[in-house]
Amino acid sequence: MFISFRSFPPSLRLSCLLAVAGVVLVSCGPTANKPAVQTSAYDRAKDAFKSGQLDQALDLTDKLATATPPENTTDRAQVLRAVIYTGELKGAMVLAKAKNPRFQTDYRRLHNDTLATAAKAALNLAETAHQIAPDGAIAKEVTLEASYPTTEGPPEVKELARVEQGGWIEPDQQESAAADALRKGVDDALADVVSGDRAKARQALAAGSIKLDGAPFAVFLAQELAEGAVVFNRHHSRDPQKLITLCDEGEETLKAALARLKDTPNKDQETEAKKLQDKFQTIRKDK
């Protein structure tokens, strides 16, 4: 016999309605409160790199780069960090190239952290190179997974070009020039990594990631370590021990490149590696 809901007392009908509503809410709850998809630290680092927030990208990849055992993005984090440190090194070294001694002194007074920034980038690059090519060995392939920076640096920072010729730029221009130099440094690093220019790097990264042969990437790292070692010579910050550290790491990275080239011979890359070995010997003499 069917009992009409209307035949229930008002209080009972309210209880039933609340019970039914509870069932509906429970059944709909998980969908309405479905947790958002978690974004990985490396994905956030890629976004930061794309937007030019390099410090944030480094912070987000710090633990990934040293994870033990390695995580699935550890190698990519290391490669991205190598690019960032190279860009920082390139950008910071421009202001250290003033040819007029008086202006050089003034720049050091106004930018007393210029060489410190270059030194820090060089040492961090050495540490990252050691992570990528430990004990003189590097993987057959490494992966650079990133998007090309949204804001590009200029092909030439005109203000800093004047600095290199012994000229002077006003303090209000120096900050923007330094920012442009950093962006340019990162763009140049990306171009060097893909053995091409900006256009080639931008095109290569359009898909979000590229595979890089281990040998030429090791040569790239060694070349930048040689540039970093110069920061510590007698003409700059004069720190022989750190100069030797950079040279040691650079030569170890070259061993990794030459070992990999035994499996996949490339005469041009082998010649470049041997030239860099000679360059490190020369740098050592300029302590």
Protein backbone atom coordinates (compact mmCIF):
# COMPACT_ATOMS: atom_id res chain seq x y z
CA MET A 1 0.00 0.00 0.00
CA PHE A 2 1.52 3.36 -1.08
CA ILE A 3 1.72 5.95 1.69
CA SER A 4 1.53 9.60 0.60
CA PHE A 5 4.32 11.84 1.85
CA ARG A 6 1.67 14.52 2.48
CA SER A 7 0.02 12.26 5.06
CA PHE A 8 3.09 12.59 7.35
CA PRO A 9 2.97 15.19 10.13
CA PRO A 10 4.78 18.45 9.25
CA SER A 11 7.66 17.76 11.68
CA LEU A 12 8.23 14.32 10.20
CA ARG A 13 8.09 15.69 6.66
CA LEU A 14 10.83 18.22 7.56
CA SER A 15 13.00 15.46 9.00
CA CYS A 16 12.61 13.46 5.82
CA LEU A 17 13.49 16.44 3.65
CA LEU A 18 16.64 17.09 5.70
CA ALA A 19 17.63 13.45 5.44
CA VAL A 20 17.16 13.46 1.67
CA ALA A 21 19.11 16.71 1.39
CA GLY A 22 21.93 15.15 3.40
CA VAL A 23 22.10 12.22 1.02
CA VAL A 24 22.28 14.57 -1.96
CA LEU A 25 25.01 16.67 -0.34
CA VAL A 26 27.06 13.61 0.59
CA SER A 27 26.76 12.18 -2.90
CA CYS A 28 27.71 15.52 -4.48
CA GLY A 29 30.36 16.43 -1.90
CA PRO A 30 33.43 14.68 -3.34
CA THR A 31 32.78 16.20 -6.77
CA ALA A 32 32.23 19.71 -5.44
CA ASN A 33 35.26 19.50 -3.15
CA LYS A 34 37.50 17.59 -5.54
CA PRO A 35 41.08 18.62 -4.73
CA ALA A 36 42.90 20.66 -7.32
CA VAL A 37 45.62 18.95 -9.32
CA GLN A 38 48.96 19.53 -7.62
CA THR A 39 51.54 21.41 -9.69
CA SER A 40 55.02 19.96 -9.33
CA ALA A 41 57.91 22.05 -8.08
CA TYR A 42 59.60 21.71 -11.46
CA ASP A 43 56.52 22.91 -13.33
CA ARG A 44 56.44 25.96 -11.08
CA ALA A 45 60.15 26.47 -11.69
CA LYS A 46 59.57 26.39 -15.45
CA ASP A 47 56.86 29.03 -15.10
CA ALA A 48 59.18 31.17 -12.99
CA PHE A 49 61.98 30.83 -15.55
CA LYS A 50 59.64 31.77 -18.38
CA SER A 51 58.54 34.92 -16.54
CA GLY A 52 62.11 35.90 -15.67
CA GLN A 53 61.87 35.12 -11.95
CA LEU A 54 65.23 33.38 -11.83
CA ASP A 55 65.69 33.39 -8.05
CA GLN A 56 62.33 31.68 -7.65
CA ALA A 57 63.24 29.09 -10.29
CA LEU A 58 66.46 28.36 -8.39
CA ASP A 59 64.64 28.07 -5.07
CA LEU A 60 62.09 25.64 -6.54
CA THR A 61 64.78 23.41 -8.06
CA ASP A 62 67.21 23.47 -5.13
CA LYS A 63 66.01 20.27 -3.46
CA LEU A 64 65.29 18.57 -6.77
CA ALA A 65 68.86 19.07 -7.96
CA THR A 66 70.29 17.31 -4.90
CA ALA A 67 67.57 14.72 -4.30
CA THR A 68 68.88 11.31 -3.15
CA PRO A 69 67.81 9.09 -4.73
CA PRO A 70 67.23 11.31 -7.77
CA GLU A 71 63.64 12.19 -8.65
CA ASN A 72 62.29 12.01 -12.19
CA THR A 73 63.00 15.71 -12.74
CA THR A 74 66.34 15.92 -10.93
CA ASP A 75 68.42 15.87 -14.12
CA ARG A 76 66.21 18.53 -15.72
CA ALA A 77 66.47 20.72 -12.64
CA GLN A 78 70.26 20.51 -12.81
CA VAL A 79 70.35 21.47 -16.49
CA LEU A 80 68.00 24.42 -15.95
CA ARG A 81 70.09 25.63 -13.03
CA ALA A 82 73.23 25.43 -15.19
CA VAL A 83 71.56 27.69 -17.75
CA ILE A 84 70.48 30.19 -15.08
CA TYR A 85 73.88 30.34 -13.39
CA THR A 86 75.54 30.79 -16.77
CA GLY A 87 73.17 33.67 -17.55
CA GLU A 88 73.89 35.28 -14.19
CA LEU A 89 77.62 34.94 -14.73
CA LYS A 90 77.49 36.44 -18.21
CA GLY A 91 75.31 39.31 -17.05
CA ALA A 92 77.37 40.15 -13.99
CA MET A 93 80.73 40.11 -15.75
CA VAL A 94 79.81 42.90 -18.16
CA LEU A 95 80.09 45.62 -15.52
CA ALA A 96 83.48 44.26 -14.51
CA LYS A 97 84.93 45.06 -17.93
CA ALA A 98 85.19 48.85 -17.65
CA LYS A 99 88.48 49.88 -19.24
CA ASN A 100 88.85 53.29 -17.62
CA PRO A 101 90.42 52.66 -14.15
CA ARG A 102 88.62 55.64 -12.59
CA PHE A 103 85.24 54.50 -13.86
CA GLN A 104 85.97 50.93 -12.84
CA THR A 105 86.54 52.13 -9.29
CA ASP A 106 83.31 54.14 -9.38
CA TYR A 107 81.35 51.15 -10.69
CA ARG A 108 82.71 48.97 -7.95
CA ARG A 109 81.67 51.55 -5.39
CA LEU A 110 78.18 51.85 -6.90
CA HIS A 111 77.85 48.14 -7.60
CA ASN A 112 79.97 46.56 -4.91
CA ASP A 113 78.10 43.30 -5.40
CA THR A 114 78.91 42.94 -9.12
CA LEU A 115 81.91 40.67 -8.72
CA ALA A 116 80.30 38.99 -5.72
CA THR A 117 77.33 38.09 -7.92
CA ALA A 118 79.63 36.76 -10.62
CA ALA A 119 81.65 34.78 -8.08
CA LYS A 120 78.53 33.26 -6.54
CA ALA A 121 77.19 32.30 -9.97
CA ALA A 122 80.53 30.75 -10.94
CA LEU A 123 80.75 28.65 -7.78
CA ASN A 124 77.13 27.55 -8.09
CA LEU A 125 77.77 26.61 -11.71
CA ALA A 126 80.75 24.52 -10.62
CA GLU A 127 78.58 22.72 -8.07
CA THR A 128 75.89 22.11 -10.68
CA ALA A 129 78.43 20.86 -13.22
CA HIS A 130 79.65 18.37 -10.62
CA GLN A 131 76.09 17.15 -10.16
CA ILE A 132 75.61 16.74 -13.91
CA ALA A 133 78.99 15.13 -14.61
CA PRO A 134 80.13 13.47 -11.38
CA ASP A 135 83.47 11.66 -11.37
CA GLY A 136 84.21 12.57 -14.97
CA ALA A 137 81.09 10.95 -16.44
CA ILE A 138 78.02 12.40 -18.10
CA ALA A 139 74.87 10.80 -19.48
CA LYS A 140 74.58 10.17 -23.18
CA GLU A 141 71.73 12.68 -23.26
CA VAL A 142 70.50 15.40 -20.93
CA THR A 143 67.19 17.23 -21.09
CA LEU A 144 66.51 20.93 -21.05
CA GLU A 145 62.82 21.35 -20.29
CA ALA A 146 61.78 24.98 -20.21
CA SER A 147 59.97 27.66 -22.15
CA TYR A 148 61.87 30.51 -23.74
CA PRO A 149 61.69 33.61 -21.50
CA THR A 150 58.74 35.87 -22.25
CA THR A 151 60.84 39.03 -21.90
CA GLU A 152 63.98 38.80 -23.97
CA GLY A 153 67.16 40.70 -23.36
CA PRO A 154 68.44 43.06 -26.05
CA PRO A 155 71.02 41.73 -28.52
CA GLU A 156 73.34 44.40 -27.14
CA VAL A 157 73.10 46.46 -23.97
CA LYS A 158 74.17 49.83 -25.34
CA GLU A 159 74.78 51.37 -21.94
CA LEU A 160 77.13 48.55 -20.99
CA ALA A 161 78.85 48.71 -24.35
CA ARG A 162 79.82 52.24 -23.36
CA VAL A 163 81.13 50.88 -20.08
CA GLU A 164 83.41 48.44 -21.90
CA GLN A 165 84.82 51.35 -23.90
CA GLY A 166 85.59 53.28 -20.71
CA GLY A 167 82.42 55.36 -20.72
CA TRP A 168 80.01 56.18 -17.92
CA ILE A 169 76.29 55.66 -17.40
CA GLU A 170 74.26 57.51 -14.83
CA PRO A 171 73.10 55.68 -11.70
CA ASP A 172 69.45 55.74 -12.79
CA GLN A 173 70.42 53.86 -15.96
CA GLN A 174 72.57 51.28 -14.24
CA GLU A 175 69.78 49.24 -12.69
CA SER A 176 67.86 48.82 -15.94
CA ALA A 177 71.11 48.10 -17.80
CA ALA A 178 71.99 45.39 -15.29
CA ALA A 179 68.53 43.82 -15.71
CA ASP A 180 68.96 43.86 -19.49
CA ALA A 181 72.41 42.31 -19.11
CA LEU A 182 70.97 39.46 -17.05
CA ARG A 183 68.22 38.77 -19.59
CA LYS A 184 70.76 38.89 -22.38
CA GLY A 185 72.99 36.51 -20.44
CA VAL A 186 70.20 33.94 -20.11
CA ASP A 187 69.29 34.28 -23.79
CA ASP A 188 72.93 33.83 -24.77
CA ALA A 189 73.21 30.79 -22.51
CA LEU A 190 70.20 29.18 -24.18
CA ALA A 191 71.69 29.90 -27.60
CA ASP A 192 75.01 28.33 -26.55
CA VAL A 193 73.27 25.25 -25.19
CA VAL A 194 71.58 24.50 -28.51
CA SER A 195 74.76 25.47 -30.43
CA GLY A 196 72.97 28.17 -32.33
CA ASP A 197 71.38 31.57 -31.87
CA ARG A 198 68.31 32.92 -30.09
CA ALA A 199 65.98 32.04 -32.94
CA LYS A 200 67.19 28.45 -32.92
CA ALA A 201 66.89 28.23 -29.15
CA ARG A 202 63.38 29.69 -29.20
CA GLN A 203 62.30 27.25 -31.89
CA ALA A 204 63.90 24.29 -30.12
CA LEU A 205 62.12 25.09 -26.85
CA ALA A 206 58.75 25.66 -28.51
CA ALA A 207 57.77 22.09 -27.62
CA GLY A 208 58.86 22.64 -24.01
CA SER A 209 61.88 20.32 -23.91
CA ILE A 210 64.86 19.27 -25.97
CA LYS A 211 67.32 16.41 -25.76
CA LEU A 212 70.95 17.48 -25.68
CA ASP A 213 73.91 15.23 -26.43
CA GLY A 214 75.98 14.79 -23.29
CA ALA A 215 79.38 15.50 -24.86
CA PRO A 216 78.67 18.97 -26.31
CA PHE A 217 76.75 19.93 -23.20
CA ALA A 218 79.78 19.00 -21.09
CA VAL A 219 81.94 21.15 -23.39
CA PHE A 220 79.47 24.01 -22.89
CA LEU A 221 79.75 23.63 -19.11
CA ALA A 222 83.54 23.58 -19.27
CA GLN A 223 83.59 26.73 -21.40
CA GLU A 224 81.44 28.58 -18.87
CA LEU A 225 83.53 27.28 -15.97
CA ALA A 226 86.58 28.73 -17.68
CA GLU A 227 84.81 32.09 -17.83
CA GLY A 228 83.87 31.69 -14.19
CA ALA A 229 87.45 30.93 -13.17
CA VAL A 230 88.52 34.31 -14.58
CA VAL A 231 86.39 35.98 -11.89
CA PHE A 232 88.97 34.81 -9.34
CA ASN A 233 92.16 35.78 -11.17
CA ARG A 234 94.53 38.54 -10.08
CA HIS A 235 92.72 41.11 -12.23
CA HIS A 236 89.36 40.63 -10.51
CA SER A 237 88.60 39.24 -7.06
CA ARG A 238 91.96 37.44 -6.75
CA ASP A 239 91.11 34.21 -4.96
CA PRO A 240 93.59 31.53 -6.11
CA GLN A 241 91.89 28.69 -4.27
CA LYS A 242 88.53 29.31 -5.91
CA LEU A 243 90.23 29.78 -9.27
CA ILE A 244 91.79 26.35 -8.89
CA THR A 245 88.43 24.89 -7.83
CA LEU A 246 86.78 26.20 -11.00
CA CYS A 247 89.64 24.91 -13.15
CA ASP A 248 89.54 21.49 -11.49
CA GLU A 249 85.82 21.19 -12.06
CA GLY A 250 86.15 22.39 -15.64
CA GLU A 251 88.84 19.84 -16.41
CA GLU A 252 86.78 17.10 -14.80
CA THR A 253 83.84 18.08 -16.99
CA LEU A 254 86.08 17.94 -20.05
CA LYS A 255 87.08 14.40 -19.08
CA ALA A 256 83.41 13.52 -19.14
CA ALA A 257 83.05 15.06 -22.60
CA LEU A 258 86.10 13.25 -24.01
CA ALA A 259 84.99 9.94 -22.50
CA ARG A 260 81.58 10.31 -24.13
CA LEU A 261 83.23 11.26 -27.44
CA LYS A 262 84.99 7.91 -27.48
CA ASP A 263 81.58 6.31 -27.95
CA THR A 264 80.30 8.92 -30.40
CA PRO A 265 83.32 10.51 -32.09
CA ASN A 266 83.10 14.13 -33.22
CA LYS A 267 86.32 15.73 -34.34
CA ASP A 268 85.15 19.33 -33.89
CA GLN A 269 83.95 18.73 -30.33
CA GLU A 270 87.12 16.86 -29.45
CA THR A 271 89.22 19.74 -30.78
CA GLU A 272 87.19 22.24 -28.76
CA ALA A 273 87.59 20.14 -25.61
CA LYS A 274 91.36 19.98 -26.02
CA LYS A 275 91.54 23.75 -26.60
CA LEU A 276 89.68 24.24 -23.34
CA GLN A 277 92.14 21.96 -21.55
CA ASP A 278 94.92 24.29 -22.69
CA LYS A 279 92.84 27.31 -21.65
CA PHE A 280 92.49 26.01 -18.11
CA GLN A 281 96.26 25.62 -17.89
CA THR A 282 96.66 29.23 -18.95
CA ILE A 283 94.06 30.43 -16.44
CA ARG A 284 95.87 28.63 -13.64
CA LYS A 285 98.95 30.74 -14.31
CA ASP A 286 96.98 33.97 -13.82
CA LYS A 287 96.21 33.46 -10.13
